[in-house]
Amino acid sequence: MAIKTTIDFDDEMETALAELVAMDGTKKLAIKRSLLAEVKRRRRSQAMLDLIASWEAEEGPIDREHLAWADAVLDRQGVGR
């Protein structure tokens, strides 16, 4: 069953949508793909947080030394935090 939703965009959102339309072809397709991509991204992020919490529950908190090592790896790979 399809549900129709109305969304009002400010100038920043209109600009972002125009950029997505250039990649996806239509507003409808751009919005659908972006919405699905964001849901997938958030699910992955939550899964990672759940994994870390589970690991810490079994093994104890991650120590400062390991966090510093992980930060250095992320920095070398150019991953923003």
N, C-alpha and C. Protein backbone atom coordinates (compact mmCIF):
# COMPACT_ATOMS: atom_id res chain seq x y z
N MET A 1 0.84 -1.17 0.00
CA MET A 1 0.00 0.00 0.00
C MET A 1 0.89 1.25 0.00
N ALA A 2 0.68 2.12 -0.94
CA ALA A 2 1.46 3.35 -1.03
C ALA A 2 0.88 4.42 -0.11
N ILE A 3 1.77 5.19 0.48
CA ILE A 3 1.37 6.30 1.34
C ILE A 3 2.03 7.56 0.79
N LYS A 4 1.27 8.61 0.66
CA LYS A 4 1.78 9.86 0.14
C LYS A 4 2.13 10.78 1.31
N THR A 5 3.31 11.42 1.23
CA THR A 5 3.77 12.33 2.26
C THR A 5 4.21 13.62 1.60
N THR A 6 3.89 14.73 2.23
CA THR A 6 4.30 16.04 1.72
C THR A 6 5.42 16.56 2.62
N ILE A 7 6.50 17.02 1.98
CA ILE A 7 7.65 17.54 2.71
C ILE A 7 7.98 18.92 2.16
N ASP A 8 8.15 19.88 3.05
CA ASP A 8 8.57 21.22 2.65
C ASP A 8 10.08 21.33 2.79
N PHE A 9 10.76 21.80 1.73
CA PHE A 9 12.21 21.93 1.72
C PHE A 9 12.60 23.39 1.79
N ASP A 10 13.63 23.69 2.58
CA ASP A 10 14.23 25.02 2.55
C ASP A 10 15.24 25.04 1.40
N ASP A 11 15.94 26.15 1.24
CA ASP A 11 16.87 26.30 0.11
C ASP A 11 18.00 25.26 0.16
N GLU A 12 18.50 24.99 1.36
CA GLU A 12 19.58 24.01 1.49
C GLU A 12 19.11 22.62 1.06
N MET A 13 17.91 22.26 1.46
CA MET A 13 17.37 20.95 1.08
C MET A 13 17.08 20.88 -0.42
N GLU A 14 16.60 21.96 -0.99
CA GLU A 14 16.34 22.00 -2.44
C GLU A 14 17.65 21.80 -3.21
N THR A 15 18.71 22.43 -2.74
CA THR A 15 20.01 22.29 -3.39
C THR A 15 20.50 20.85 -3.29
N ALA A 16 20.35 20.26 -2.10
CA ALA A 16 20.76 18.87 -1.91
C ALA A 16 19.94 17.95 -2.80
N LEU A 17 18.65 18.19 -2.89
CA LEU A 17 17.79 17.35 -3.72
C LEU A 17 18.17 17.49 -5.20
N ALA A 18 18.48 18.69 -5.63
CA ALA A 18 18.89 18.89 -7.02
C ALA A 18 20.16 18.09 -7.32
N GLU A 19 21.07 18.04 -6.36
CA GLU A 19 22.31 17.26 -6.54
C GLU A 19 21.98 15.77 -6.65
N LEU A 20 21.08 15.30 -5.82
CA LEU A 20 20.68 13.89 -5.88
C LEU A 20 19.94 13.56 -7.17
N VAL A 21 19.10 14.46 -7.62
CA VAL A 21 18.36 14.24 -8.87
C VAL A 21 19.33 14.13 -10.04
N ALA A 22 20.41 14.90 -10.00
CA ALA A 22 21.41 14.81 -11.06
C ALA A 22 22.02 13.42 -11.12
N MET A 23 22.09 12.74 -9.98
CA MET A 23 22.65 11.38 -9.95
C MET A 23 21.59 10.32 -10.23
N ASP A 24 20.37 10.53 -9.73
CA ASP A 24 19.35 9.49 -9.78
C ASP A 24 18.27 9.69 -10.83
N GLY A 25 18.18 10.87 -11.40
CA GLY A 25 17.25 11.08 -12.52
C GLY A 25 15.93 11.75 -12.19
N THR A 26 15.30 11.37 -11.11
CA THR A 26 14.02 11.98 -10.75
C THR A 26 14.00 12.28 -9.25
N LYS A 27 13.15 13.23 -8.86
CA LYS A 27 13.04 13.56 -7.44
C LYS A 27 12.57 12.35 -6.64
N LYS A 28 11.57 11.69 -7.16
CA LYS A 28 11.01 10.55 -6.45
C LYS A 28 12.07 9.47 -6.22
N LEU A 29 12.81 9.13 -7.25
CA LEU A 29 13.84 8.11 -7.14
C LEU A 29 14.97 8.56 -6.22
N ALA A 30 15.36 9.83 -6.33
CA ALA A 30 16.43 10.37 -5.49
C ALA A 30 16.05 10.31 -4.01
N ILE A 31 14.82 10.68 -3.69
CA ILE A 31 14.37 10.66 -2.30
C ILE A 31 14.29 9.23 -1.79
N LYS A 32 13.75 8.33 -2.59
CA LYS A 32 13.64 6.93 -2.15
C LYS A 32 15.01 6.32 -1.90
N ARG A 33 15.94 6.50 -2.84
CA ARG A 33 17.28 5.93 -2.68
C ARG A 33 18.00 6.51 -1.48
N SER A 34 17.87 7.82 -1.29
CA SER A 34 18.53 8.47 -0.16
C SER A 34 17.95 8.01 1.17
N LEU A 35 16.66 7.87 1.23
CA LEU A 35 16.01 7.40 2.46
C LEU A 35 16.46 5.98 2.80
N LEU A 36 16.46 5.11 1.81
CA LEU A 36 16.91 3.73 2.05
C LEU A 36 18.39 3.68 2.44
N ALA A 37 19.22 4.49 1.79
CA ALA A 37 20.65 4.51 2.11
C ALA A 37 20.87 4.98 3.55
N GLU A 38 20.12 5.98 3.98
CA GLU A 38 20.27 6.49 5.35
C GLU A 38 19.83 5.45 6.37
N VAL A 39 18.76 4.75 6.10
CA VAL A 39 18.31 3.70 7.02
C VAL A 39 19.37 2.61 7.12
N LYS A 40 19.94 2.20 6.00
CA LYS A 40 21.00 1.18 6.02
C LYS A 40 22.21 1.66 6.80
N ARG A 41 22.59 2.93 6.60
CA ARG A 41 23.73 3.50 7.31
C ARG A 41 23.49 3.49 8.82
N ARG A 42 22.31 3.89 9.22
CA ARG A 42 21.99 3.92 10.65
C ARG A 42 21.92 2.52 11.25
N ARG A 43 21.42 1.57 10.49
CA ARG A 43 21.40 0.18 10.97
C ARG A 43 22.81 -0.35 11.17
N ARG A 44 23.71 -0.05 10.22
CA ARG A 44 25.11 -0.48 10.36
C ARG A 44 25.75 0.16 11.58
N SER A 45 25.50 1.44 11.77
CA SER A 45 26.07 2.14 12.92
C SER A 45 25.57 1.53 14.23
N GLN A 46 24.27 1.27 14.30
CA GLN A 46 23.71 0.68 15.52
C GLN A 46 24.24 -0.74 15.73
N ALA A 47 24.38 -1.49 14.65
CA ALA A 47 24.93 -2.85 14.77
C ALA A 47 26.35 -2.80 15.32
N MET A 48 27.14 -1.83 14.89
CA MET A 48 28.51 -1.69 15.40
C MET A 48 28.49 -1.33 16.88
N LEU A 49 27.63 -0.41 17.27
CA LEU A 49 27.52 -0.05 18.69
C LEU A 49 27.08 -1.24 19.53
N ASP A 50 26.14 -2.02 19.01
CA ASP A 50 25.67 -3.21 19.71
C ASP A 50 26.79 -4.25 19.85
N LEU A 51 27.58 -4.41 18.79
CA LEU A 51 28.70 -5.35 18.82
C LEU A 51 29.73 -4.93 19.87
N ILE A 52 30.05 -3.64 19.90
CA ILE A 52 31.03 -3.14 20.88
C ILE A 52 30.49 -3.33 22.30
N ALA A 53 29.22 -3.02 22.52
CA ALA A 53 28.63 -3.19 23.85
C ALA A 53 28.65 -4.65 24.28
N SER A 54 28.36 -5.54 23.35
CA SER A 54 28.36 -6.97 23.64
C SER A 54 29.77 -7.44 23.98
N TRP A 55 30.74 -6.98 23.19
CA TRP A 55 32.13 -7.37 23.43
C TRP A 55 32.61 -6.86 24.78
N GLU A 56 32.27 -5.59 25.09
CA GLU A 56 32.68 -5.03 26.37
C GLU A 56 31.99 -5.74 27.54
N ALA A 57 30.76 -6.18 27.35
CA ALA A 57 30.05 -6.91 28.41
C ALA A 57 30.76 -8.22 28.73
N GLU A 58 31.34 -8.85 27.72
CA GLU A 58 32.04 -10.12 27.92
C GLU A 58 33.50 -9.94 28.33
N GLU A 59 34.18 -8.97 27.73
CA GLU A 59 35.63 -8.82 27.90
C GLU A 59 36.03 -7.66 28.81
N GLY A 60 35.11 -6.79 29.12
CA GLY A 60 35.43 -5.59 29.88
C GLY A 60 35.62 -4.40 28.96
N PRO A 61 35.70 -3.22 29.54
CA PRO A 61 35.82 -2.00 28.74
C PRO A 61 37.08 -2.00 27.87
N ILE A 62 36.98 -1.35 26.74
CA ILE A 62 38.14 -1.19 25.86
C ILE A 62 39.09 -0.21 26.54
N ASP A 63 40.37 -0.58 26.64
CA ASP A 63 41.32 0.28 27.36
C ASP A 63 41.80 1.43 26.48
N ARG A 64 42.36 2.44 27.14
CA ARG A 64 42.85 3.65 26.46
C ARG A 64 43.90 3.34 25.41
N GLU A 65 44.77 2.40 25.68
CA GLU A 65 45.84 2.04 24.74
C GLU A 65 45.25 1.52 23.43
N HIS A 66 44.26 0.67 23.52
CA HIS A 66 43.63 0.13 22.32
C HIS A 66 42.87 1.23 21.57
N LEU A 67 42.21 2.12 22.29
CA LEU A 67 41.50 3.23 21.64
C LEU A 67 42.48 4.15 20.91
N ALA A 68 43.62 4.40 21.52
CA ALA A 68 44.64 5.24 20.87
C ALA A 68 45.15 4.57 19.60
N TRP A 69 45.37 3.26 19.67
CA TRP A 69 45.80 2.51 18.48
C TRP A 69 44.74 2.61 17.37
N ALA A 70 43.47 2.42 17.73
CA ALA A 70 42.38 2.49 16.75
C ALA A 70 42.28 3.88 16.14
N ASP A 71 42.43 4.93 16.97
CA ASP A 71 42.41 6.30 16.46
C ASP A 71 43.52 6.53 15.45
N ALA A 72 44.71 6.00 15.74
CA ALA A 72 45.84 6.16 14.82
C ALA A 72 45.56 5.46 13.49
N VAL A 73 44.97 4.29 13.54
CA VAL A 73 44.62 3.57 12.30
C VAL A 73 43.61 4.38 11.50
N LEU A 74 42.58 4.88 12.15
CA LEU A 74 41.57 5.68 11.46
C LEU A 74 42.17 6.94 10.86
N ASP A 75 43.07 7.59 11.62
CA ASP A 75 43.73 8.79 11.10
C ASP A 75 44.54 8.49 9.85
N ARG A 76 45.28 7.38 9.86
CA ARG A 76 46.08 7.01 8.68
C ARG A 76 45.19 6.73 7.47
N GLN A 77 44.00 6.21 7.73
CA GLN A 77 43.10 5.89 6.63
C GLN A 77 42.24 7.07 6.22
N GLY A 78 42.36 8.19 6.93
CA GLY A 78 41.61 9.39 6.58
C GLY A 78 40.14 9.32 6.96
N VAL A 79 39.82 8.51 7.94
CA VAL A 79 38.42 8.36 8.37
C VAL A 79 38.10 9.50 9.33
N GLY A 80 37.07 10.27 9.02
CA GLY A 80 36.65 11.37 9.90
C GLY A 80 35.93 10.84 11.13
N ARG A 81 36.05 11.59 12.21
CA ARG A 81 35.37 11.21 13.45
C ARG A 81 34.58 12.35 13.98
